[in-house]
Amino acid sequence: MDNHYNRDLHHRHSIRLKGYDYSQAGAYFVTICVHGRECLFGEIVDGAMQVNEFGRIAAAEWARTAEIRKEIELGDFVVMPNHFHGILILSDDPSCRGTAVTVNRRPSRQSEGIMLGASA
């Protein structure tokens, strides 16, 4: 199956602000999806998310991101069956400048690994 983005097929519109520098300090709402949207992190049972081992690993690695990167703080996050949402806060501390992850483009395999705090 071809997973490449096709504008005519997917009809997606970017919600990013044109010209905005997403590497600057601020709070960003991040969504990371599982490849193929497979439900690898758990399932919804009686209206509540039940994380499995992979979901617990994703949550732990997300939390580890702030521990190993001084320029990042984390806000709330939620793990869903095939994706998770989180608030990522890039520091405005001058000693951290130049070390923040740039998120103003489609993530590469490397930056996806950075977001999860794991190697890609």
PDB file of N, CA and C in Angstrom:
ATOM      1  N   MET A   1       0.835  -1.177   0.000  1.00  0.00           N
ATOM      2  CA  MET A   1       0.000   0.000   0.000  1.00  0.00           C
ATOM      3  C   MET A   1       0.885   1.248   0.000  1.00  0.00           C
ATOM      4  N   ASP A   2       0.556   2.224  -0.833  1.00  0.00           N
ATOM      5  CA  ASP A   2       1.313   3.464  -0.928  1.00  0.00           C
ATOM      6  C   ASP A   2       0.810   4.436   0.137  1.00  0.00           C
ATOM      7  N   ASN A   3       1.665   4.778   1.106  1.00  0.00           N
ATOM      8  CA  ASN A   3       1.279   5.660   2.206  1.00  0.00           C
ATOM      9  C   ASN A   3       1.678   7.106   1.970  1.00  0.00           C
ATOM     10  N   HIS A   4       2.126   7.450   0.749  1.00  0.00           N
ATOM     11  CA  HIS A   4       2.542   8.814   0.487  1.00  0.00           C
ATOM     12  C   HIS A   4       1.332   9.734   0.410  1.00  0.00           C
ATOM     13  N   TYR A   5       1.537  10.955   0.848  1.00  0.00           N
ATOM     14  CA  TYR A   5       0.477  11.964   0.838  1.00  0.00           C
ATOM     15  C   TYR A   5       0.120  12.319  -0.599  1.00  0.00           C
ATOM     16  N   ASN A   6      -1.162  12.324  -0.888  1.00  0.00           N
ATOM     17  CA  ASN A   6      -1.680  12.721  -2.199  1.00  0.00           C
ATOM     18  C   ASN A   6      -2.729  13.791  -1.951  1.00  0.00           C
ATOM     19  N   ARG A   7      -2.426  15.042  -2.328  1.00  0.00           N
ATOM     20  CA  ARG A   7      -3.325  16.171  -2.065  1.00  0.00           C
ATOM     21  C   ARG A   7      -4.732  15.925  -2.607  1.00  0.00           C
ATOM     22  N   ASP A   8      -4.842  15.337  -3.788  1.00  0.00           N
ATOM     23  CA  ASP A   8      -6.160  15.097  -4.388  1.00  0.00           C
ATOM     24  C   ASP A   8      -6.949  14.026  -3.650  1.00  0.00           C
ATOM     25  N   LEU A   9      -6.251  13.064  -3.076  1.00  0.00           N
ATOM     26  CA  LEU A   9      -6.910  11.961  -2.376  1.00  0.00           C
ATOM     27  C   LEU A   9      -7.203  12.289  -0.913  1.00  0.00           C
ATOM     28  N   HIS A  10      -6.251  12.907  -0.229  1.00  0.00           N
ATOM     29  CA  HIS A  10      -6.375  13.101   1.213  1.00  0.00           C
ATOM     30  C   HIS A  10      -7.102  14.383   1.616  1.00  0.00           C
ATOM     31  N   HIS A  11      -7.084  15.403   0.790  1.00  0.00           N
ATOM     32  CA  HIS A  11      -7.794  16.655   1.056  1.00  0.00           C
ATOM     33  C   HIS A  11      -7.446  17.256   2.417  1.00  0.00           C
ATOM     34  N   ARG A  12      -6.186  17.164   2.793  1.00  0.00           N
ATOM     35  CA  ARG A  12      -5.757  17.727   4.066  1.00  0.00           C
ATOM     36  C   ARG A  12      -5.323  19.164   3.865  1.00  0.00           C
ATOM     37  N   HIS A  13      -5.574  19.967   4.875  1.00  0.00           N
ATOM     38  CA  HIS A  13      -5.162  21.365   4.858  1.00  0.00           C
ATOM     39  C   HIS A  13      -4.299  21.613   6.086  1.00  0.00           C
ATOM     40  N   SER A  14      -3.172  22.246   5.875  1.00  0.00           N
ATOM     41  CA  SER A  14      -2.279  22.543   6.982  1.00  0.00           C
ATOM     42  C   SER A  14      -2.915  23.595   7.886  1.00  0.00           C
ATOM     43  N   ILE A  15      -2.811  23.376   9.192  1.00  0.00           N
ATOM     44  CA  ILE A  15      -3.282  24.374  10.153  1.00  0.00           C
ATOM     45  C   ILE A  15      -2.118  25.205  10.677  1.00  0.00           C
ATOM     46  N   ARG A  16      -0.927  24.960  10.133  1.00  0.00           N
ATOM     47  CA  ARG A  16       0.242  25.724  10.553  1.00  0.00           C
ATOM     48  C   ARG A  16       0.172  27.144  10.008  1.00  0.00           C
ATOM     49  N   LEU A  17       0.680  28.085  10.777  1.00  0.00           N
ATOM     50  CA  LEU A  17       0.721  29.480  10.344  1.00  0.00           C
ATOM     51  C   LEU A  17       1.851  29.665   9.345  1.00  0.00           C
ATOM     52  N   LYS A  18       1.529  30.180   8.184  1.00  0.00           N
ATOM     53  CA  LYS A  18       2.557  30.427   7.171  1.00  0.00           C
ATOM     54  C   LYS A  18       3.560  31.440   7.714  1.00  0.00           C
ATOM     55  N   GLY A  19       4.834  31.112   7.568  1.00  0.00           N
ATOM     56  CA  GLY A  19       5.887  32.017   7.991  1.00  0.00           C
ATOM     57  C   GLY A  19       6.231  31.956   9.469  1.00  0.00           C
ATOM     58  N   TYR A  20       5.486  31.182  10.262  1.00  0.00           N
ATOM     59  CA  TYR A  20       5.757  31.099  11.695  1.00  0.00           C
ATOM     60  C   TYR A  20       6.941  30.165  11.934  1.00  0.00           C
ATOM     61  N   ASP A  21       7.835  30.550  12.807  1.00  0.00           N
ATOM     62  CA  ASP A  21       9.009  29.745  13.130  1.00  0.00           C
ATOM     63  C   ASP A  21       8.678  28.834  14.304  1.00  0.00           C
ATOM     64  N   TYR A  22       8.356  27.584  14.007  1.00  0.00           N
ATOM     65  CA  TYR A  22       7.963  26.637  15.041  1.00  0.00           C
ATOM     66  C   TYR A  22       9.131  26.134  15.883  1.00  0.00           C
ATOM     67  N   SER A  23      10.336  26.613  15.616  1.00  0.00           N
ATOM     68  CA  SER A  23      11.451  26.248  16.480  1.00  0.00           C
ATOM     69  C   SER A  23      11.627  27.257  17.606  1.00  0.00           C
ATOM     70  N   GLN A  24      10.840  28.338  17.589  1.00  0.00           N
ATOM     71  CA  GLN A  24      10.960  29.343  18.651  1.00  0.00           C
ATOM     72  C   GLN A  24      10.257  28.862  19.923  1.00  0.00           C
ATOM     73  N   ALA A  25      10.597  29.488  21.020  1.00  0.00           N
ATOM     74  CA  ALA A  25      10.022  29.125  22.313  1.00  0.00           C
ATOM     75  C   ALA A  25       8.504  29.230  22.279  1.00  0.00           C
ATOM     76  N   GLY A  26       7.869  28.315  22.981  1.00  0.00           N
ATOM     77  CA  GLY A  26       6.415  28.329  23.072  1.00  0.00           C
ATOM     78  C   GLY A  26       5.885  26.942  23.370  1.00  0.00           C
ATOM     79  N   ALA A  27       4.586  26.865  23.545  1.00  0.00           N
ATOM     80  CA  ALA A  27       3.913  25.591  23.797  1.00  0.00           C
ATOM     81  C   ALA A  27       3.271  25.121  22.497  1.00  0.00           C
ATOM     82  N   TYR A  28       3.461  23.852  22.188  1.00  0.00           N
ATOM     83  CA  TYR A  28       2.963  23.280  20.944  1.00  0.00           C
ATOM     84  C   TYR A  28       2.149  22.024  21.240  1.00  0.00           C
ATOM     85  N   PHE A  29       1.007  21.912  20.580  1.00  0.00           N
ATOM     86  CA  PHE A  29       0.174  20.714  20.675  1.00  0.00           C
ATOM     87  C   PHE A  29       0.678  19.748  19.611  1.00  0.00           C
ATOM     88  N   VAL A  30       1.091  18.559  20.031  1.00  0.00           N
ATOM     89  CA  VAL A  30       1.705  17.587  19.132  1.00  0.00           C
ATOM     90  C   VAL A  30       0.846  16.331  19.093  1.00  0.00           C
ATOM     91  N   THR A  31       0.628  15.807  17.892  1.00  0.00           N
ATOM     92  CA  THR A  31      -0.030  14.512  17.722  1.00  0.00           C
ATOM     93  C   THR A  31       0.927  13.614  16.958  1.00  0.00           C
ATOM     94  N   ILE A  32       1.172  12.429  17.479  1.00  0.00           N
ATOM     95  CA  ILE A  32       2.023  11.456  16.803  1.00  0.00           C
ATOM     96  C   ILE A  32       1.197  10.198  16.592  1.00  0.00           C
ATOM     97  N   CYS A  33       1.124   9.773  15.331  1.00  0.00           N
ATOM     98  CA  CYS A  33       0.303   8.619  14.958  1.00  0.00           C
ATOM     99  C   CYS A  33       1.168   7.387  14.712  1.00  0.00           C
ATOM    100  N   VAL A  34       0.616   6.243  15.011  1.00  0.00           N
ATOM    101  CA  VAL A  34       1.258   4.972  14.721  1.00  0.00           C
ATOM    102  C   VAL A  34       1.226   4.755  13.211  1.00  0.00           C
ATOM    103  N   HIS A  35       2.300   4.210  12.668  1.00  0.00           N
ATOM    104  CA  HIS A  35       2.356   3.904  11.235  1.00  0.00           C
ATOM    105  C   HIS A  35       1.155   3.041  10.844  1.00  0.00           C
ATOM    106  N   GLY A  36       0.481   3.442   9.801  1.00  0.00           N
ATOM    107  CA  GLY A  36      -0.677   2.680   9.319  1.00  0.00           C
ATOM    108  C   GLY A  36      -1.887   2.793  10.233  1.00  0.00           C
ATOM    109  N   ARG A  37      -1.799   3.651  11.239  1.00  0.00           N
ATOM    110  CA  ARG A  37      -2.885   3.850  12.213  1.00  0.00           C
ATOM    111  C   ARG A  37      -3.298   2.550  12.913  1.00  0.00           C
ATOM    112  N   GLU A  38      -2.343   1.634  13.060  1.00  0.00           N
ATOM    113  CA  GLU A  38      -2.628   0.397  13.778  1.00  0.00           C
ATOM    114  C   GLU A  38      -2.842   0.714  15.258  1.00  0.00           C
ATOM    115  N   CYS A  39      -3.744   0.013  15.889  1.00  0.00           N
ATOM    116  CA  CYS A  39      -4.030   0.226  17.320  1.00  0.00           C
ATOM    117  C   CYS A  39      -3.019  -0.562  18.150  1.00  0.00           C
ATOM    118  N   LEU A  40      -1.820  -0.014  18.261  1.00  0.00           N
ATOM    119  CA  LEU A  40      -0.733  -0.694  18.967  1.00  0.00           C
ATOM    120  C   LEU A  40      -0.609  -0.323  20.436  1.00  0.00           C
ATOM    121  N   PHE A  41      -1.224   0.789  20.848  1.00  0.00           N
ATOM    122  CA  PHE A  41      -1.029   1.281  22.211  1.00  0.00           C
ATOM    123  C   PHE A  41      -2.088   0.809  23.204  1.00  0.00           C
ATOM    124  N   GLY A  42      -3.113   0.131  22.745  1.00  0.00           N
ATOM    125  CA  GLY A  42      -4.174  -0.337  23.634  1.00  0.00           C
ATOM    126  C   GLY A  42      -5.511  -0.279  22.941  1.00  0.00           C
ATOM    127  N   GLU A  43      -6.569  -0.243  23.749  1.00  0.00           N
ATOM    128  CA  GLU A  43      -7.922  -0.221  23.188  1.00  0.00           C
ATOM    129  C   GLU A  43      -8.862   0.548  24.111  1.00  0.00           C
ATOM    130  N   ILE A  44      -9.992   0.947  23.548  1.00  0.00           N
ATOM    131  CA  ILE A  44     -11.036   1.605  24.322  1.00  0.00           C
ATOM    132  C   ILE A  44     -11.998   0.525  24.816  1.00  0.00           C
ATOM    133  N   VAL A  45     -12.188   0.475  26.134  1.00  0.00           N
ATOM    134  CA  VAL A  45     -13.093  -0.496  26.748  1.00  0.00           C
ATOM    135  C   VAL A  45     -14.072   0.276  27.624  1.00  0.00           C
ATOM    136  N   ASP A  46     -15.356   0.122  27.341  1.00  0.00           N
ATOM    137  CA  ASP A  46     -16.394   0.840  28.100  1.00  0.00           C
ATOM    138  C   ASP A  46     -16.116   2.340  28.170  1.00  0.00           C
ATOM    139  N   GLY A  47     -15.658   2.894  27.046  1.00  0.00           N
ATOM    140  CA  GLY A  47     -15.431   4.328  26.955  1.00  0.00           C
ATOM    141  C   GLY A  47     -14.146   4.837  27.583  1.00  0.00           C
ATOM    142  N   ALA A  48     -13.287   3.935  28.057  1.00  0.00           N
ATOM    143  CA  ALA A  48     -12.032   4.353  28.688  1.00  0.00           C
ATOM    144  C   ALA A  48     -10.849   3.690  27.986  1.00  0.00           C
ATOM    145  N   MET A  49      -9.770   4.419  27.872  1.00  0.00           N
ATOM    146  CA  MET A  49      -8.566   3.893  27.243  1.00  0.00           C
ATOM    147  C   MET A  49      -7.868   2.919  28.176  1.00  0.00           C
ATOM    148  N   GLN A  50      -7.583   1.740  27.658  1.00  0.00           N
ATOM    149  CA  GLN A  50      -6.832   0.725  28.382  1.00  0.00           C
ATOM    150  C   GLN A  50      -5.503   0.555  27.656  1.00  0.00           C
ATOM    151  N   VAL A  51      -4.435   1.146  28.203  1.00  0.00           N
ATOM    152  CA  VAL A  51      -3.136   1.039  27.543  1.00  0.00           C
ATOM    153  C   VAL A  51      -2.555  -0.349  27.743  1.00  0.00           C
ATOM    154  N   ASN A  52      -1.825  -0.794  26.739  1.00  0.00           N
ATOM    155  CA  ASN A  52      -1.110  -2.061  26.854  1.00  0.00           C
ATOM    156  C   ASN A  52       0.374  -1.752  27.081  1.00  0.00           C
ATOM    157  N   GLU A  53       1.223  -2.758  26.967  1.00  0.00           N
ATOM    158  CA  GLU A  53       2.651  -2.555  27.209  1.00  0.00           C
ATOM    159  C   GLU A  53       3.231  -1.506  26.263  1.00  0.00           C
ATOM    160  N   PHE A  54       2.841  -1.537  24.982  1.00  0.00           N
ATOM    161  CA  PHE A  54       3.354  -0.547  24.034  1.00  0.00           C
ATOM    162  C   PHE A  54       2.876   0.860  24.391  1.00  0.00           C
ATOM    163  N   GLY A  55       1.657   0.984  24.861  1.00  0.00           N
ATOM    164  CA  GLY A  55       1.148   2.283  25.287  1.00  0.00           C
ATOM    165  C   GLY A  55       1.906   2.818  26.482  1.00  0.00           C
ATOM    166  N   ARG A  56       2.244   1.916  27.411  1.00  0.00           N
ATOM    167  CA  ARG A  56       3.030   2.327  28.579  1.00  0.00           C
ATOM    168  C   ARG A  56       4.444   2.739  28.159  1.00  0.00           C
ATOM    169  N   ILE A  57       5.016   2.047  27.175  1.00  0.00           N
ATOM    170  CA  ILE A  57       6.346   2.407  26.676  1.00  0.00           C
ATOM    171  C   ILE A  57       6.295   3.780  26.013  1.00  0.00           C
ATOM    172  N   ALA A  58       5.281   4.021  25.177  1.00  0.00           N
ATOM    173  CA  ALA A  58       5.144   5.327  24.509  1.00  0.00           C
ATOM    174  C   ALA A  58       5.025   6.441  25.545  1.00  0.00           C
ATOM    175  N   ALA A  59       4.232   6.229  26.580  1.00  0.00           N
ATOM    176  CA  ALA A  59       4.063   7.236  27.633  1.00  0.00           C
ATOM    177  C   ALA A  59       5.371   7.471  28.382  1.00  0.00           C
ATOM    178  N   ALA A  60       6.085   6.409  28.690  1.00  0.00           N
ATOM    179  CA  ALA A  60       7.349   6.538  29.413  1.00  0.00           C
ATOM    180  C   ALA A  60       8.397   7.261  28.564  1.00  0.00           C
ATOM    181  N   GLU A  61       8.447   6.955  27.286  1.00  0.00           N
ATOM    182  CA  GLU A  61       9.419   7.609  26.410  1.00  0.00           C
ATOM    183  C   GLU A  61       9.068   9.073  26.188  1.00  0.00           C
ATOM    184  N   TRP A  62       7.778   9.375  26.102  1.00  0.00           N
ATOM    185  CA  TRP A  62       7.355  10.779  25.994  1.00  0.00           C
ATOM    186  C   TRP A  62       7.831  11.537  27.233  1.00  0.00           C
ATOM    187  N   ALA A  63       7.619  10.973  28.410  1.00  0.00           N
ATOM    188  CA  ALA A  63       8.037  11.617  29.660  1.00  0.00           C
ATOM    189  C   ALA A  63       9.558  11.765  29.716  1.00  0.00           C
ATOM    190  N   ARG A  64      10.269  10.794  29.185  1.00  0.00           N
ATOM    191  CA  ARG A  64      11.734  10.815  29.193  1.00  0.00           C
ATOM    192  C   ARG A  64      12.294  11.937  28.321  1.00  0.00           C
ATOM    193  N   THR A  65      11.515  12.390  27.354  1.00  0.00           N
ATOM    194  CA  THR A  65      11.956  13.468  26.464  1.00  0.00           C
ATOM    195  C   THR A  65      12.413  14.678  27.265  1.00  0.00           C
ATOM    196  N   ALA A  66      11.647  15.069  28.266  1.00  0.00           N
ATOM    197  CA  ALA A  66      12.003  16.240  29.082  1.00  0.00           C
ATOM    198  C   ALA A  66      13.192  15.956  29.995  1.00  0.00           C
ATOM    199  N   GLU A  67      13.384  14.709  30.361  1.00  0.00           N
ATOM    200  CA  GLU A  67      14.500  14.370  31.237  1.00  0.00           C
ATOM    201  C   GLU A  67      15.836  14.459  30.504  1.00  0.00           C
ATOM    202  N   ILE A  68      15.845  14.144  29.210  1.00  0.00           N
ATOM    203  CA  ILE A  68      17.110  14.083  28.479  1.00  0.00           C
ATOM    204  C   ILE A  68      17.351  15.289  27.575  1.00  0.00           C
ATOM    205  N   ARG A  69      16.390  16.206  27.507  1.00  0.00           N
ATOM    206  CA  ARG A  69      16.535  17.399  26.669  1.00  0.00           C
ATOM    207  C   ARG A  69      16.217  18.638  27.495  1.00  0.00           C
ATOM    208  N   LYS A  70      17.244  19.401  27.831  1.00  0.00           N
ATOM    209  CA  LYS A  70      17.064  20.542  28.732  1.00  0.00           C
ATOM    210  C   LYS A  70      16.193  21.638  28.144  1.00  0.00           C
ATOM    211  N   GLU A  71      16.045  21.679  26.827  1.00  0.00           N
ATOM    212  CA  GLU A  71      15.266  22.740  26.189  1.00  0.00           C
ATOM    213  C   GLU A  71      13.777  22.425  26.111  1.00  0.00           C
ATOM    214  N   ILE A  72      13.369  21.254  26.595  1.00  0.00           N
ATOM    215  CA  ILE A  72      11.972  20.823  26.462  1.00  0.00           C
ATOM    216  C   ILE A  72      11.342  20.576  27.826  1.00  0.00           C
ATOM    217  N   GLU A  73      10.124  21.083  27.971  1.00  0.00           N
ATOM    218  CA  GLU A  73       9.258  20.746  29.099  1.00  0.00           C
ATOM    219  C   GLU A  73       8.013  20.113  28.505  1.00  0.00           C
ATOM    220  N   LEU A  74       7.336  19.305  29.287  1.00  0.00           N
ATOM    221  CA  LEU A  74       6.125  18.658  28.791  1.00  0.00           C
ATOM    222  C   LEU A  74       4.923  19.072  29.617  1.00  0.00           C
ATOM    223  N   GLY A  75       3.805  19.255  28.934  1.00  0.00           N
ATOM    224  CA  GLY A  75       2.530  19.488  29.590  1.00  0.00           C
ATOM    225  C   GLY A  75       1.759  18.172  29.618  1.00  0.00           C
ATOM    226  N   ASP A  76       0.458  18.267  29.663  1.00  0.00           N
ATOM    227  CA  ASP A  76      -0.384  17.076  29.682  1.00  0.00           C
ATOM    228  C   ASP A  76      -0.244  16.292  28.386  1.00  0.00           C
ATOM    229  N   PHE A  77      -0.518  14.991  28.466  1.00  0.00           N
ATOM    230  CA  PHE A  77      -0.551  14.158  27.276  1.00  0.00           C
ATOM    231  C   PHE A  77      -1.563  13.040  27.494  1.00  0.00           C
ATOM    232  N   VAL A  78      -1.985  12.438  26.394  1.00  0.00           N
ATOM    233  CA  VAL A  78      -2.916  11.323  26.466  1.00  0.00           C
ATOM    234  C   VAL A  78      -2.539  10.308  25.403  1.00  0.00           C
ATOM    235  N   VAL A  79      -2.522   9.038  25.781  1.00  0.00           N
ATOM    236  CA  VAL A  79      -2.245   7.949  24.851  1.00  0.00           C
ATOM    237  C   VAL A  79      -3.572   7.378  24.387  1.00  0.00           C
ATOM    238  N   MET A  80      -3.724   7.249  23.080  1.00  0.00           N
ATOM    239  CA  MET A  80      -4.917   6.672  22.463  1.00  0.00           C
ATOM    240  C   MET A  80      -4.501   5.390  21.744  1.00  0.00           C
ATOM    241  N   PRO A  81      -5.448   4.584  21.267  1.00  0.00           N
ATOM    242  CA  PRO A  81      -5.063   3.293  20.675  1.00  0.00           C
ATOM    243  C   PRO A  81      -4.049   3.387  19.529  1.00  0.00           C
ATOM    244  N   ASN A  82      -4.163   4.396  18.668  1.00  0.00           N
ATOM    245  CA  ASN A  82      -3.268   4.458  17.516  1.00  0.00           C
ATOM    246  C   ASN A  82      -2.516   5.790  17.402  1.00  0.00           C
ATOM    247  N   HIS A  83      -2.535   6.590  18.447  1.00  0.00           N
ATOM    248  CA  HIS A  83      -1.830   7.869  18.433  1.00  0.00           C
ATOM    249  C   HIS A  83      -1.765   8.416  19.846  1.00  0.00           C
ATOM    250  N   PHE A  84      -1.011   9.488  20.004  1.00  0.00           N
ATOM    251  CA  PHE A  84      -1.102  10.210  21.265  1.00  0.00           C
ATOM    252  C   PHE A  84      -0.952  11.694  21.014  1.00  0.00           C
ATOM    253  N   HIS A  85      -1.478  12.456  21.952  1.00  0.00           N
ATOM    254  CA  HIS A  85      -1.432  13.910  21.914  1.00  0.00           C
ATOM    255  C   HIS A  85      -0.627  14.371  23.123  1.00  0.00           C
ATOM    256  N   GLY A  86       0.135  15.427  22.940  1.00  0.00           N
ATOM    257  CA  GLY A  86       0.883  15.981  24.057  1.00  0.00           C
ATOM    258  C   GLY A  86       1.170  17.452  23.852  1.00  0.00           C
ATOM    259  N   ILE A  87       1.442  18.133  24.948  1.00  0.00           N
ATOM    260  CA  ILE A  87       1.862  19.521  24.914  1.00  0.00           C
ATOM    261  C   ILE A  87       3.373  19.530  25.127  1.00  0.00           C
ATOM    262  N   LEU A  88       4.090  20.093  24.152  1.00  0.00           N
ATOM    263  CA  LEU A  88       5.540  20.191  24.204  1.00  0.00           C
ATOM    264  C   LEU A  88       5.888  21.671  24.322  1.00  0.00           C
ATOM    265  N   ILE A  89       6.694  22.014  25.319  1.00  0.00           N
ATOM    266  CA  ILE A  89       7.038  23.411  25.571  1.00  0.00           C
ATOM    267  C   ILE A  89       8.528  23.600  25.308  1.00  0.00           C
ATOM    268  N   LEU A  90       8.839  24.429  24.313  1.00  0.00           N
ATOM    269  CA  LEU A  90      10.230  24.741  23.993  1.00  0.00           C
ATOM    270  C   LEU A  90      10.657  25.936  24.830  1.00  0.00           C
ATOM    271  N   SER A  91      11.778  25.814  25.493  1.00  0.00           N
ATOM    272  CA  SER A  91      12.288  26.838  26.405  1.00  0.00           C
ATOM    273  C   SER A  91      12.759  28.078  25.665  1.00  0.00           C
ATOM    274  N   ASP A  92      12.643  29.220  26.334  1.00  0.00           N
ATOM    275  CA  ASP A  92      13.206  30.452  25.793  1.00  0.00           C
ATOM    276  C   ASP A  92      14.523  30.795  26.483  1.00  0.00           C
ATOM    277  N   ASP A  93      15.055  29.848  27.241  1.00  0.00           N
ATOM    278  CA  ASP A  93      16.337  30.025  27.926  1.00  0.00           C
ATOM    279  C   ASP A  93      17.437  30.155  26.864  1.00  0.00           C
ATOM    280  N   PRO A  94      18.187  31.271  26.856  1.00  0.00           N
ATOM    281  CA  PRO A  94      19.218  31.471  25.836  1.00  0.00           C
ATOM    282  C   PRO A  94      20.261  30.359  25.788  1.00  0.00           C
ATOM    283  N   SER A  95      20.532  29.705  26.908  1.00  0.00           N
ATOM    284  CA  SER A  95      21.539  28.636  26.910  1.00  0.00           C
ATOM    285  C   SER A  95      21.051  27.397  26.173  1.00  0.00           C
ATOM    286  N   CYS A  96      19.761  27.349  25.894  1.00  0.00           N
ATOM    287  CA  CYS A  96      19.186  26.202  25.187  1.00  0.00           C
ATOM    288  C   CYS A  96      19.002  26.472  23.698  1.00  0.00           C
ATOM    289  N   ARG A  97      19.185  27.709  23.275  1.00  0.00           N
ATOM    290  CA  ARG A  97      18.935  28.060  21.872  1.00  0.00           C
ATOM    291  C   ARG A  97      19.814  27.240  20.952  1.00  0.00           C
ATOM    292  N   GLY A  98      19.229  26.842  19.840  1.00  0.00           N
ATOM    293  CA  GLY A  98      19.950  26.046  18.858  1.00  0.00           C
ATOM    294  C   GLY A  98      19.888  24.567  19.142  1.00  0.00           C
ATOM    295  N   THR A  99      19.287  24.186  20.278  1.00  0.00           N
ATOM    296  CA  THR A  99      19.199  22.772  20.611  1.00  0.00           C
ATOM    297  C   THR A  99      17.775  22.255  20.509  1.00  0.00           C
ATOM    298  N   ALA A 100      16.811  23.131  20.242  1.00  0.00           N
ATOM    299  CA  ALA A 100      15.410  22.718  20.178  1.00  0.00           C
ATOM    300  C   ALA A 100      15.109  21.983  18.875  1.00  0.00           C
ATOM    301  N   VAL A 101      14.158  21.087  18.946  1.00  0.00           N
ATOM    302  CA  VAL A 101      13.716  20.337  17.778  1.00  0.00           C
ATOM    303  C   VAL A 101      12.869  21.246  16.893  1.00  0.00           C
ATOM    304  N   THR A 102      13.107  21.246  15.597  1.00  0.00           N
ATOM    305  CA  THR A 102      12.289  22.012  14.669  1.00  0.00           C
ATOM    306  C   THR A 102      11.092  21.156  14.280  1.00  0.00           C
ATOM    307  N   VAL A 103       9.888  21.694  14.454  1.00  0.00           N
ATOM    308  CA  VAL A 103       8.688  20.913  14.163  1.00  0.00           C
ATOM    309  C   VAL A 103       7.811  21.592  13.121  1.00  0.00           C
ATOM    310  N   ASN A 104       8.411  22.426  12.254  1.00  0.00           N
ATOM    311  CA  ASN A 104       7.603  23.125  11.262  1.00  0.00           C
ATOM    312  C   ASN A 104       7.583  22.422   9.912  1.00  0.00           C
ATOM    313  N   ARG A 105       7.918  21.150   9.911  1.00  0.00           N
ATOM    314  CA  ARG A 105       7.869  20.363   8.684  1.00  0.00           C
ATOM    315  C   ARG A 105       7.439  18.951   9.038  1.00  0.00           C
ATOM    316  N   ARG A 106       7.102  18.188   8.008  1.00  0.00           N
ATOM    317  CA  ARG A 106       6.728  16.799   8.256  1.00  0.00           C
ATOM    318  C   ARG A 106       7.912  16.105   8.926  1.00  0.00           C
ATOM    319  N   PRO A 107       7.682  15.405  10.043  1.00  0.00           N
ATOM    320  CA  PRO A 107       8.799  14.789  10.765  1.00  0.00           C
ATOM    321  C   PRO A 107       9.502  13.720   9.940  1.00  0.00           C
ATOM    322  N   SER A 108      10.814  13.692  10.036  1.00  0.00           N
ATOM    323  CA  SER A 108      11.581  12.606   9.435  1.00  0.00           C
ATOM    324  C   SER A 108      11.575  11.445  10.426  1.00  0.00           C
ATOM    325  N   ARG A 109      12.076  10.296  10.014  1.00  0.00           N
ATOM    326  CA  ARG A 109      12.174   9.170  10.957  1.00  0.00           C
ATOM    327  C   ARG A 109      13.033   9.568  12.149  1.00  0.00           C
ATOM    328  N   GLN A 110      14.075  10.368  11.908  1.00  0.00           N
ATOM    329  CA  GLN A 110      14.942  10.792  12.999  1.00  0.00           C
ATOM    330  C   GLN A 110      14.193  11.686  13.976  1.00  0.00           C
ATOM    331  N   SER A 111      13.446  12.682  13.487  1.00  0.00           N
ATOM    332  CA  SER A 111      12.753  13.579  14.405  1.00  0.00           C
ATOM    333  C   SER A 111      11.610  12.876  15.116  1.00  0.00           C
ATOM    334  N   GLU A 112      10.982  11.870  14.478  1.00  0.00           N
ATOM    335  CA  GLU A 112       9.962  11.089  15.182  1.00  0.00           C
ATOM    336  C   GLU A 112      10.594  10.388  16.373  1.00  0.00           C
ATOM    337  N   GLY A 113      11.816   9.859  16.179  1.00  0.00           N
ATOM    338  CA  GLY A 113      12.521   9.226  17.283  1.00  0.00           C
ATOM    339  C   GLY A 113      12.849  10.211  18.375  1.00  0.00           C
ATOM    340  N   ILE A 114      13.214  11.434  17.993  1.00  0.00           N
ATOM    341  CA  ILE A 114      13.496  12.472  18.978  1.00  0.00           C
ATOM    342  C   ILE A 114      12.243  12.781  19.779  1.00  0.00           C
ATOM    343  N   MET A 115      11.118  12.874  19.104  1.00  0.00           N
ATOM    344  CA  MET A 115       9.869  13.192  19.798  1.00  0.00           C
ATOM    345  C   MET A 115       9.537  12.122  20.825  1.00  0.00           C
ATOM    346  N   LEU A 116       9.839  10.876  20.528  1.00  0.00           N
ATOM    347  CA  LEU A 116       9.558   9.802  21.464  1.00  0.00           C
ATOM    348  C   LEU A 116      10.703   9.564  22.445  1.00  0.00           C
ATOM    349  N   GLY A 117      11.819  10.226  22.214  1.00  0.00           N
ATOM    350  CA  GLY A 117      12.967  10.019  23.106  1.00  0.00           C
ATOM    351  C   GLY A 117      13.658   8.698  22.841  1.00  0.00           C
ATOM    352  N   ALA A 118      13.472   8.135  21.648  1.00  0.00           N
ATOM    353  CA  ALA A 118      14.086   6.863  21.285  1.00  0.00           C
ATOM    354  C   ALA A 118      14.835   7.050  19.984  1.00  0.00           C
ATOM    355  N   SER A 119      15.747   6.164  19.707  1.00  0.00           N
ATOM    356  CA  SER A 119      16.479   6.272  18.438  1.00  0.00           C
ATOM    357  C   SER A 119      15.632   5.702  17.314  1.00  0.00           C
ATOM    358  N   ALA A 120      15.695   6.348  16.174  1.00  0.00           N
ATOM    359  CA  ALA A 120      14.918   5.911  15.001  1.00  0.00           C
ATOM    360  C   ALA A 120      15.697   4.912  14.201  1.00  0.00           C
TER     361      ALA A 120
END
